[in-house]
Amino acid sequence: MTVQLQPVILSGGAGTRLWPLSRRAYPKQFHALVDDSTLLQSTALRAAGQGDTEVLAPLVVCNEIHRFLVAEQLLECDRRAAAILLEPVGRNTAPALTLAALQATAQGGDPLLLVMPADHVISDQQAFEQALGRGVEQAVAGRVVTFGIVPGSPHTGYGYIRRGEQVGDGAFQLEAFVEKPDRDTAESYLAQGSYLWNSGIFLLRASRWLELAGEFCPAILEAVTRSYENGRQDMDFFRAAAEDFEASPSDSIDYAVMEPLSQRPVETVVVSLDAGWSDIGAWEALWSVSAQDDVGNAVHGDVFAYRASSNLLFSQSRLVAAVGVEDLVVVETPDAVLVVHKEHAQDVKKVTEYLEEARRGESEFHRCVHRPWGCFEGVDQGDRFQVKRLTVKPGATLSMQMHHHRAEHWVVVSGTARVTRGDDVFLLTENESTYIPVGTRHRLENPGTVPLEIIGVQSGSYLGEDDIVRFEDIYNRDSDST
């Protein structure tokens, strides 16, 4: 009998400890950190069918503002999603998995759900597949499976799982979940050999999760079920009803279900996973899984190092030179530079907290901001003006819109633009330009087969991105949405 395996990718994380590379509008799961694939793409490609196991197209649960990034990156790696489920607000992983389980059962089956965070690294694919095969055996027998990482160090940043009696090949009864320990406790866990890191990867029947949610967290099941039933399809996305979803308690899979279920060990197992796993929770973790030179430096981009060792040196747009330093993380992006000792990598979140309190945009956006039609990048700005470079994908269309406070000049650098300005519709080609007065309805399209590059000069009393009134939009965005 064929077993259906339904990957469920949870892509709601913000990755604040990887600032300035990871930002709220473009977090770490959408970046290629260790190879040519982004973390999301690697996760989507991770599940592989074995024997009688059929792997279905993935279900992805994500934040609404990331929906177009998810769809585009999955298409790039030839892994179109079965559904992209949008959370109106973040409510942690238990409601997210409940939403996915409802979708999986609504499709007419009862597959095994392979629940994976979108932002983890697993370097040994073969070892992962072997562990997954062991987990499938246990899940088919009706058990709830979690995967515990064989610890390589007394890490204090991870929760732990205490394993009990062996019940199968690489599978053990799950005795308890343990909070993040201090250093001495973590060292004792490592010495005992019966503790594993909690990976946050689970495997169980869709119907079984719904049963357990009804037993242990009925308020979550009730709210998310209403939200699913009152939701609607929007292009390639499913929008859960916002008011109902917001009524759900916020809780993790561990706290909501797994911890109380662990009191019934016959129903839960932990499968050991030794596959080069990391959750890339901070820059030090990225350094540890990156290729390093003979003195321990991991470098990316335009970097020069002299008498420097054990550093992570990351450059996006200019030369980074490190001389006579060690154990540092130096990350350069076009609009920010981070310098932190590896021992303090967990404290990078303090930077994002400061930026949010100061209402600075560096916590949310990069200089290059992605949109479903392409992207725009800030080139210069000053009092009452800013200059942007827009790249519009072939066949893409910006919304019909107007601005209350700013006028715009558009200059075509390359490609062909179809411009709607009031009642006029006309084409512009390289080195041609047009002016959009304040309050004028306008739209920009790329009717060609190559990217359209535009330099836009905006001037006026207010230049914020929220000064957009949309009249028509093929991407169904509201005026204040991305």
Foldseek 3Di string as FASTA:
>chain_A
DAAEEEEEEEEADQLLLAPPVGFNLRGQQLDDQADDAGLLCCSQPQDDDDDRYDYDQYEYEYAPSCVLSNQVSCVVSPRHHPAYEHAPDAQAALLSLLLVLVVVVVVPDWHKYWYAYSQKDFAFSVLVNVLVVVVVVLQVVPAKEFAFELDPALDQPFKKWFFDDADDDQKTFTQAIGHRDPSVVSVVCNVVRRMGTGRLIIIHISVVSLVQCCVQPVQSNVLSVQQQVPWDDAVRHIYGNHVSNVSGHRDYPCVRGVRVCSVVRVRYMYGYGHGLMDSPSFPLRSLVSHDAPPQSEHEEDAEAEECEHNEDHYEDPDYDYYYNYYQWYWYDDPPDIDIDHSVCSNVSSVVLVVCVVVVHCSNHDGQWRADSQGTKGWDDDDQFKTKIKDKGAAFGKAFFKAFQWKKKKKAWQAAKKWKDWAPDTDIDGHGDMDIHDHPITMMIGHNDHGITIIMMMMGGNDDDQLRICGDDDSNPDHSRGD
